[in-house]
Protein backbone atom coordinates (compact mmCIF):
# COMPACT_ATOMS: atom_id res chain seq x y z
CA MET A 1 0.00 0.00 0.00
CA VAL A 2 1.39 3.41 -0.97
CA ILE A 3 0.16 6.43 0.99
CA PRO A 4 1.37 9.96 0.19
CA VAL A 5 1.52 12.09 3.33
CA TYR A 6 1.68 15.87 3.64
CA ASN A 7 1.34 17.57 7.04
CA GLU A 8 -0.71 14.75 8.57
CA GLN A 9 0.88 14.52 12.02
CA GLU A 10 -2.52 14.67 13.73
CA SER A 11 -4.05 11.84 11.70
CA LEU A 12 -0.96 9.61 11.33
CA PRO A 13 -1.52 7.47 14.46
CA GLU A 14 -5.05 6.59 13.33
CA LEU A 15 -3.91 6.11 9.73
CA ILE A 16 -1.17 3.70 10.79
CA GLN A 17 -3.43 1.80 13.19
CA ARG A 18 -6.31 1.40 10.73
CA THR A 19 -4.23 0.52 7.67
CA THR A 20 -2.15 -1.97 9.66
CA ALA A 21 -5.28 -3.63 11.07
CA ALA A 22 -6.83 -3.83 7.60
CA CYS A 23 -3.69 -5.29 6.02
CA GLN A 24 -3.42 -7.92 8.76
CA GLN A 25 -6.66 -9.37 7.35
CA LEU A 26 -5.07 -9.94 3.93
CA PRO A 27 -4.11 -13.51 2.98
CA CYS A 28 -0.73 -12.43 1.61
CA ASP A 29 2.47 -10.61 2.51
CA TRP A 30 2.06 -6.84 2.72
CA GLU A 31 3.80 -3.58 3.46
CA ILE A 32 2.66 0.00 3.91
CA LEU A 33 4.81 2.67 2.30
CA LEU A 34 4.21 6.09 3.82
CA VAL A 35 5.70 8.75 1.55
CA ASP A 36 6.30 12.08 3.26
CA ASP A 37 5.98 14.79 0.61
CA GLY A 38 8.13 17.41 2.32
CA SER A 39 5.84 18.02 5.29
CA SER A 40 6.58 21.04 7.47
CA ASP A 41 5.13 19.39 10.60
CA ASP A 42 6.33 16.27 12.46
CA SER A 43 4.89 13.80 9.93
CA ALA A 44 8.30 12.59 8.70
CA ARG A 45 9.59 11.99 12.23
CA LEU A 46 6.45 10.11 13.27
CA MET A 47 6.59 7.96 10.13
CA ALA A 48 10.27 7.13 10.61
CA GLU A 49 9.71 6.20 14.26
CA ALA A 50 6.75 3.97 13.40
CA ALA A 51 8.71 2.24 10.64
CA GLN A 52 11.53 1.42 13.07
CA GLN A 53 9.29 -0.36 15.58
CA PRO A 54 9.96 -4.11 15.93
CA GLY A 55 7.71 -6.15 13.64
CA SER A 56 6.58 -3.09 11.71
CA HIS A 57 5.39 -3.53 8.14
CA LEU A 58 5.79 0.20 7.55
CA VAL A 59 8.34 1.77 5.23
CA ALA A 60 8.95 5.52 5.50
CA VAL A 61 9.99 7.24 2.28
CA LEU A 62 11.02 10.83 3.01
CA LEU A 63 11.13 13.39 0.21
CA ASN A 64 13.26 16.49 0.80
CA ARG A 65 10.60 18.93 -0.40
CA ASN A 66 6.97 19.07 -1.52
CA TYR A 67 6.79 17.54 -5.01
CA GLY A 68 3.02 17.00 -5.07
CA GLN A 69 0.77 14.00 -4.58
CA HIS A 70 1.44 12.36 -7.96
CA SER A 71 5.22 12.52 -7.52
CA ALA A 72 4.94 11.21 -3.96
CA ILE A 73 2.93 8.22 -5.20
CA MET A 74 5.48 7.56 -7.95
CA ALA A 75 8.28 7.73 -5.36
CA GLY A 76 6.39 5.15 -3.32
CA PHE A 77 6.01 2.90 -6.38
CA SER A 78 9.78 2.92 -6.81
CA HIS A 79 10.15 1.39 -3.31
CA VAL A 80 7.42 -1.27 -3.58
CA SER A 81 8.57 -4.87 -3.24
CA GLY A 82 5.30 -6.66 -4.04
CA ASP A 83 3.29 -7.40 -7.17
CA LEU A 84 0.02 -5.68 -6.26
CA VAL A 85 -0.13 -2.03 -5.19
CA ILE A 86 -2.99 -0.14 -3.57
CA THR A 87 -2.87 3.62 -3.10
CA LEU A 88 -4.69 5.41 -0.33
CA ASP A 89 -4.96 9.05 0.69
CA ALA A 90 -3.72 9.85 4.19
CA ASP A 91 -6.94 11.67 5.14
CA LEU A 92 -8.78 8.31 5.45
CA GLN A 93 -11.57 9.50 3.17
CA ASN A 94 -11.56 5.97 1.76
CA PRO A 95 -11.71 3.51 4.66
CA PRO A 96 -8.82 1.02 4.63
CA GLU A 97 -11.09 -1.55 6.28
CA LYS A 98 -12.71 -2.11 2.86
CA PHE A 99 -9.51 -3.42 1.23
CA PRO A 100 -9.58 -6.98 2.62
CA ALA A 101 -13.06 -7.43 1.09
CA TRP A 102 -11.74 -6.70 -2.41
């Protein structure tokens, strides 16, 4: 799963919790790539810390400036290790809980 992130420090804990819980329901290997698009808040730090936790399936990709959502997604694609990729916006407008049903 590739998720572009820009100034989402407030929603990151919920994003990480909900996407991780949803992915744990999948019958395959998975990873969540959080791509920080040059955030000016603490998003990059929070992502990096979460990715370093033992047993984490998170990968933090940190861009040095704001390139825009499309470029952030493409940067995430370049780090993907699997065969199937899902993209999701960080604002949780689309609930990650729906992915296991697909």
